[in-house]
Amino acid sequence: MGATAGILFTAGGGGFQASSQWQAGNAQSKVDLYNAQVAANNAKVDALQSDDAIARGSTAETVHRKQVKALIGSQRASLAASGVDVNDGSALDVQTDSARQGETDALTIRANAAREAWGYKVKQVNDLSQEQQYKTQSQIDKAAGKRNAAGTIITSAGSIIAQKYGMK
């Protein structure tokens, strides 16, 4: 009866350990899949932020150009009120300089928005890559749980055979 009890305990312990390893692999796989979904969601947010940066930049560029036109209009009115010919000489130079600087600023606004959007696009690519890494790790963890469980079953079976036939 002692040998039979030992065999039963070995079988039960091996079965419990194998089951635990299988479950641990599955549980870690689920964590990996959750993390993959978080990374995928982050990538979607990154895409939205990129689009938003471009939209905000476009709006700011348009607003700036309108402000420059208003400034030039104000300059023309002020110069004309002073009796200066607004279409000649230094009066024209002042307006041209204002227009040139305004356009430079508008293009800077656009470029800054594009750089911000690019940063979000890079983050999106990184998040999508991380999603794939988590999905791959999920498969690895699931397979490892199965492999470890199988190894435990084989080891337990070997111990049972050794106990049954006195091969300790």
C-alpha atoms as a PDB file:
ATOM      1  CA  MET A   1       0.000   0.000   0.000  1.00  0.00           C
ATOM      2  CA  GLY A   2       2.936   2.376   0.623  1.00  0.00           C
ATOM      3  CA  ALA A   3       4.237   2.096  -2.923  1.00  0.00           C
ATOM      4  CA  THR A   4       0.762   2.641  -4.354  1.00  0.00           C
ATOM      5  CA  ALA A   5       0.273   5.751  -2.203  1.00  0.00           C
ATOM      6  CA  GLY A   6       3.643   7.103  -3.372  1.00  0.00           C
ATOM      7  CA  ILE A   7       2.665   6.526  -6.981  1.00  0.00           C
ATOM      8  CA  LEU A   8      -0.673   8.268  -6.439  1.00  0.00           C
ATOM      9  CA  PHE A   9       0.990  11.242  -4.764  1.00  0.00           C
ATOM     10  CA  THR A  10       3.563  11.477  -7.554  1.00  0.00           C
ATOM     11  CA  ALA A  11       0.833  11.291 -10.198  1.00  0.00           C
ATOM     12  CA  GLY A  12      -1.371  13.809  -8.378  1.00  0.00           C
ATOM     13  CA  GLY A  13       1.488  16.213  -7.738  1.00  0.00           C
ATOM     14  CA  GLY A  14       2.701  15.937 -11.304  1.00  0.00           C
ATOM     15  CA  GLY A  15      -0.808  16.490 -12.643  1.00  0.00           C
ATOM     16  CA  PHE A  16      -1.316  19.517 -10.403  1.00  0.00           C
ATOM     17  CA  GLN A  17       2.059  21.008 -11.380  1.00  0.00           C
ATOM     18  CA  ALA A  18       1.406  20.377 -15.086  1.00  0.00           C
ATOM     19  CA  SER A  19      -2.022  21.978 -14.826  1.00  0.00           C
ATOM     20  CA  SER A  20      -0.523  24.999 -13.029  1.00  0.00           C
ATOM     21  CA  GLN A  21       2.144  25.410 -15.709  1.00  0.00           C
ATOM     22  CA  TRP A  22      -0.441  25.191 -18.470  1.00  0.00           C
ATOM     23  CA  GLN A  23      -2.632  27.763 -16.733  1.00  0.00           C
ATOM     24  CA  ALA A  24       0.317  30.065 -16.070  1.00  0.00           C
ATOM     25  CA  GLY A  25       1.237  30.009 -19.761  1.00  0.00           C
ATOM     26  CA  ASN A  26      -2.350  30.797 -20.729  1.00  0.00           C
ATOM     27  CA  ALA A  27      -2.609  33.565 -18.139  1.00  0.00           C
ATOM     28  CA  GLN A  28       0.613  35.220 -19.314  1.00  0.00           C
ATOM     29  CA  SER A  29      -0.598  34.880 -22.898  1.00  0.00           C
ATOM     30  CA  LYS A  30      -3.762  36.791 -21.963  1.00  0.00           C
ATOM     31  CA  VAL A  31      -1.694  39.532 -20.317  1.00  0.00           C
ATOM     32  CA  ASP A  32       0.377  39.785 -23.491  1.00  0.00           C
ATOM     33  CA  LEU A  33      -2.769  40.037 -25.627  1.00  0.00           C
ATOM     34  CA  TYR A  34      -4.131  42.751 -23.326  1.00  0.00           C
ATOM     35  CA  ASN A  35      -0.864  44.678 -23.689  1.00  0.00           C
ATOM     36  CA  ALA A  36      -1.070  44.211 -27.468  1.00  0.00           C
ATOM     37  CA  GLN A  37      -4.544  45.753 -27.455  1.00  0.00           C
ATOM     38  CA  VAL A  38      -3.313  48.688 -25.352  1.00  0.00           C
ATOM     39  CA  ALA A  39      -0.492  49.264 -27.846  1.00  0.00           C
ATOM     40  CA  ALA A  40      -2.978  49.094 -30.756  1.00  0.00           C
ATOM     41  CA  ASN A  41      -5.223  51.636 -29.012  1.00  0.00           C
ATOM     42  CA  ASN A  42      -2.230  53.892 -28.386  1.00  0.00           C
ATOM     43  CA  ALA A  43      -1.409  53.718 -32.103  1.00  0.00           C
ATOM     44  CA  LYS A  44      -4.951  54.849 -32.931  1.00  0.00           C
ATOM     45  CA  VAL A  45      -4.615  57.785 -30.526  1.00  0.00           C
ATOM     46  CA  ASP A  46      -1.248  58.660 -32.089  1.00  0.00           C
ATOM     47  CA  ALA A  47      -2.888  58.803 -35.535  1.00  0.00           C
ATOM     48  CA  LEU A  48      -5.622  61.089 -34.204  1.00  0.00           C
ATOM     49  CA  GLN A  49      -3.062  63.353 -32.541  1.00  0.00           C
ATOM     50  CA  SER A  50      -1.083  63.543 -35.781  1.00  0.00           C
ATOM     51  CA  ASP A  51      -4.184  64.572 -37.711  1.00  0.00           C
ATOM     52  CA  ASP A  52      -5.058  67.080 -34.993  1.00  0.00           C
ATOM     53  CA  ALA A  53      -1.578  68.643 -35.131  1.00  0.00           C
ATOM     54  CA  ILE A  54      -1.931  69.196 -38.875  1.00  0.00           C
ATOM     55  CA  ALA A  55      -5.443  70.645 -38.473  1.00  0.00           C
ATOM     56  CA  ARG A  56      -4.353  72.984 -35.664  1.00  0.00           C
ATOM     57  CA  GLY A  57      -1.325  74.052 -37.711  1.00  0.00           C
ATOM     58  CA  SER A  58      -3.478  74.776 -40.733  1.00  0.00           C
ATOM     59  CA  THR A  59      -5.865  76.869 -38.652  1.00  0.00           C
ATOM     60  CA  ALA A  60      -3.016  78.777 -36.998  1.00  0.00           C
ATOM     61  CA  GLU A  61      -1.408  79.398 -40.404  1.00  0.00           C
ATOM     62  CA  THR A  62      -4.677  80.770 -41.818  1.00  0.00           C
ATOM     63  CA  VAL A  63      -5.257  82.979 -38.765  1.00  0.00           C
ATOM     64  CA  HIS A  64      -1.695  84.313 -38.958  1.00  0.00           C
ATOM     65  CA  ARG A  65      -2.038  85.193 -42.658  1.00  0.00           C
ATOM     66  CA  LYS A  66      -5.269  87.084 -41.905  1.00  0.00           C
ATOM     67  CA  GLN A  67      -3.516  88.984 -39.101  1.00  0.00           C
ATOM     68  CA  VAL A  68      -0.665  89.919 -41.458  1.00  0.00           C
ATOM     69  CA  LYS A  69      -3.156  91.183 -44.055  1.00  0.00           C
ATOM     70  CA  ALA A  70      -4.858  93.238 -41.349  1.00  0.00           C
ATOM     71  CA  LEU A  71      -1.466  94.639 -40.258  1.00  0.00           C
ATOM     72  CA  ILE A  72      -0.586  95.618 -43.823  1.00  0.00           C
ATOM     73  CA  GLY A  73      -4.024  97.200 -44.233  1.00  0.00           C
ATOM     74  CA  SER A  74      -3.455  99.174 -41.038  1.00  0.00           C
ATOM     75  CA  GLN A  75      -0.007 100.255 -42.259  1.00  0.00           C
ATOM     76  CA  ARG A  76      -1.474 101.429 -45.587  1.00  0.00           C
ATOM     77  CA  ALA A  77      -4.241 103.379 -43.870  1.00  0.00           C
ATOM     78  CA  SER A  78      -1.820 105.038 -41.477  1.00  0.00           C
ATOM     79  CA  LEU A  79       0.624 105.923 -44.237  1.00  0.00           C
ATOM     80  CA  ALA A  80      -2.143 107.223 -46.507  1.00  0.00           C
ATOM     81  CA  ALA A  81      -3.550 109.332 -43.663  1.00  0.00           C
ATOM     82  CA  SER A  82      -0.126 110.923 -43.392  1.00  0.00           C
ATOM     83  CA  GLY A  83      -0.218 111.818 -47.080  1.00  0.00           C
ATOM     84  CA  VAL A  84       2.385 109.230 -48.099  1.00  0.00           C
ATOM     85  CA  ASP A  85       2.081 107.390 -51.413  1.00  0.00           C
ATOM     86  CA  VAL A  86       1.554 103.789 -50.159  1.00  0.00           C
ATOM     87  CA  ASN A  87       2.545 102.273 -53.523  1.00  0.00           C
ATOM     88  CA  ASP A  88       6.053 103.701 -53.742  1.00  0.00           C
ATOM     89  CA  GLY A  89       9.371 104.033 -51.939  1.00  0.00           C
ATOM     90  CA  SER A  90       9.856 103.202 -48.279  1.00  0.00           C
ATOM     91  CA  ALA A  91       6.099 102.915 -47.687  1.00  0.00           C
ATOM     92  CA  LEU A  92       5.983 100.073 -50.198  1.00  0.00           C
ATOM     93  CA  ASP A  93       9.146  98.573 -48.661  1.00  0.00           C
ATOM     94  CA  VAL A  94       7.499  98.504 -45.195  1.00  0.00           C
ATOM     95  CA  GLN A  95       4.473  96.655 -46.574  1.00  0.00           C
ATOM     96  CA  THR A  96       6.649  94.234 -48.572  1.00  0.00           C
ATOM     97  CA  ASP A  97       8.770  93.473 -45.511  1.00  0.00           C
ATOM     98  CA  SER A  98       5.656  92.872 -43.417  1.00  0.00           C
ATOM     99  CA  ALA A  99       4.251  90.531 -46.060  1.00  0.00           C
ATOM    100  CA  ARG A 100       7.569  88.656 -46.381  1.00  0.00           C
ATOM    101  CA  GLN A 101       7.976  88.248 -42.623  1.00  0.00           C
ATOM    102  CA  GLY A 102       4.341  87.240 -42.266  1.00  0.00           C
ATOM    103  CA  GLU A 103       4.730  84.558 -44.931  1.00  0.00           C
ATOM    104  CA  THR A 104       7.916  83.287 -43.282  1.00  0.00           C
ATOM    105  CA  ASP A 105       6.063  83.020 -39.975  1.00  0.00           C
ATOM    106  CA  ALA A 106       3.101  81.262 -41.637  1.00  0.00           C
ATOM    107  CA  LEU A 107       5.419  78.700 -43.222  1.00  0.00           C
ATOM    108  CA  THR A 108       7.155  78.197 -39.868  1.00  0.00           C
ATOM    109  CA  ILE A 109       3.772  77.490 -38.272  1.00  0.00           C
ATOM    110  CA  ARG A 110       3.060  74.915 -40.996  1.00  0.00           C
ATOM    111  CA  ALA A 111       6.500  73.296 -40.620  1.00  0.00           C
ATOM    112  CA  ASN A 112       6.168  73.094 -36.833  1.00  0.00           C
ATOM    113  CA  ALA A 113       2.774  71.405 -37.187  1.00  0.00           C
ATOM    114  CA  ALA A 114       4.245  68.935 -39.670  1.00  0.00           C
ATOM    115  CA  ARG A 115       7.101  68.130 -37.270  1.00  0.00           C
ATOM    116  CA  GLU A 116       4.660  67.596 -34.412  1.00  0.00           C
ATOM    117  CA  ALA A 117       2.530  65.329 -36.626  1.00  0.00           C
ATOM    118  CA  TRP A 118       5.632  63.404 -37.697  1.00  0.00           C
ATOM    119  CA  GLY A 119       6.497  62.777 -34.033  1.00  0.00           C
ATOM    120  CA  TYR A 120       3.062  61.237 -33.509  1.00  0.00           C
ATOM    121  CA  LYS A 121       3.468  59.124 -36.657  1.00  0.00           C
ATOM    122  CA  VAL A 122       6.796  57.793 -35.352  1.00  0.00           C
ATOM    123  CA  LYS A 123       5.131  56.967 -32.035  1.00  0.00           C
ATOM    124  CA  GLN A 124       2.319  55.235 -33.932  1.00  0.00           C
ATOM    125  CA  VAL A 125       4.808  53.027 -35.784  1.00  0.00           C
ATOM    126  CA  ASN A 126       6.519  52.189 -32.487  1.00  0.00           C
ATOM    127  CA  ASP A 127       3.185  51.323 -30.854  1.00  0.00           C
ATOM    128  CA  LEU A 128       2.204  49.082 -33.785  1.00  0.00           C
ATOM    129  CA  SER A 129       5.574  47.353 -33.526  1.00  0.00           C
ATOM    130  CA  GLN A 130       5.053  46.853 -29.802  1.00  0.00           C
ATOM    131  CA  GLU A 131       1.604  45.403 -30.510  1.00  0.00           C
ATOM    132  CA  GLN A 132       3.188  42.786 -32.764  1.00  0.00           C
ATOM    133  CA  GLN A 133       5.847  42.005 -30.158  1.00  0.00           C
ATOM    134  CA  TYR A 134       3.168  41.396 -27.529  1.00  0.00           C
ATOM    135  CA  LYS A 135       1.201  39.157 -29.888  1.00  0.00           C
ATOM    136  CA  THR A 136       4.319  37.121 -30.634  1.00  0.00           C
ATOM    137  CA  GLN A 137       5.158  36.916 -26.928  1.00  0.00           C
ATOM    138  CA  SER A 138       1.616  35.706 -26.267  1.00  0.00           C
ATOM    139  CA  GLN A 139       2.177  32.761 -28.587  1.00  0.00           C
ATOM    140  CA  ILE A 140       5.563  32.045 -27.013  1.00  0.00           C
ATOM    141  CA  ASP A 141       4.140  32.129 -23.477  1.00  0.00           C
ATOM    142  CA  LYS A 142       1.227  29.877 -24.390  1.00  0.00           C
ATOM    143  CA  ALA A 143       3.584  27.363 -26.037  1.00  0.00           C
ATOM    144  CA  ALA A 144       5.963  27.525 -23.052  1.00  0.00           C
ATOM    145  CA  GLY A 145       3.103  26.678 -20.681  1.00  0.00           C
ATOM    146  CA  LYS A 146       2.221  23.641 -22.792  1.00  0.00           C
ATOM    147  CA  ARG A 147       5.871  22.591 -23.114  1.00  0.00           C
ATOM    148  CA  ASN A 148       6.487  22.928 -19.371  1.00  0.00           C
ATOM    149  CA  ALA A 149       3.306  20.981 -18.597  1.00  0.00           C
ATOM    150  CA  ALA A 150       4.331  18.218 -20.982  1.00  0.00           C
ATOM    151  CA  GLY A 151       7.786  18.071 -19.407  1.00  0.00           C
ATOM    152  CA  THR A 152       6.264  17.745 -15.954  1.00  0.00           C
ATOM    153  CA  ILE A 153       3.951  14.949 -17.115  1.00  0.00           C
ATOM    154  CA  ILE A 154       6.883  13.075 -18.664  1.00  0.00           C
ATOM    155  CA  THR A 155       9.008  13.559 -15.541  1.00  0.00           C
ATOM    156  CA  SER A 156       6.147  12.433 -13.306  1.00  0.00           C
ATOM    157  CA  ALA A 157       5.525   9.392 -15.504  1.00  0.00           C
ATOM    158  CA  GLY A 158       9.207   8.495 -15.249  1.00  0.00           C
ATOM    159  CA  SER A 159       9.059   8.784 -11.471  1.00  0.00           C
ATOM    160  CA  ILE A 160       5.963   6.609 -11.342  1.00  0.00           C
ATOM    161  CA  ILE A 161       7.593   3.915 -13.473  1.00  0.00           C
ATOM    162  CA  ALA A 162      10.727   4.073 -11.328  1.00  0.00           C
ATOM    163  CA  GLN A 163       8.629   3.708  -8.152  1.00  0.00           C
ATOM    164  CA  LYS A 164       6.523   0.894  -9.571  1.00  0.00           C
ATOM    165  CA  TYR A 165       9.509  -1.137 -10.661  1.00  0.00           C
ATOM    166  CA  GLY A 166      11.828  -0.148  -7.835  1.00  0.00           C
ATOM    167  CA  MET A 167      14.320   1.685 -10.024  1.00  0.00           C
ATOM    168  CA  LYS A 168      14.960   4.600  -7.700  1.00  0.00           C
END
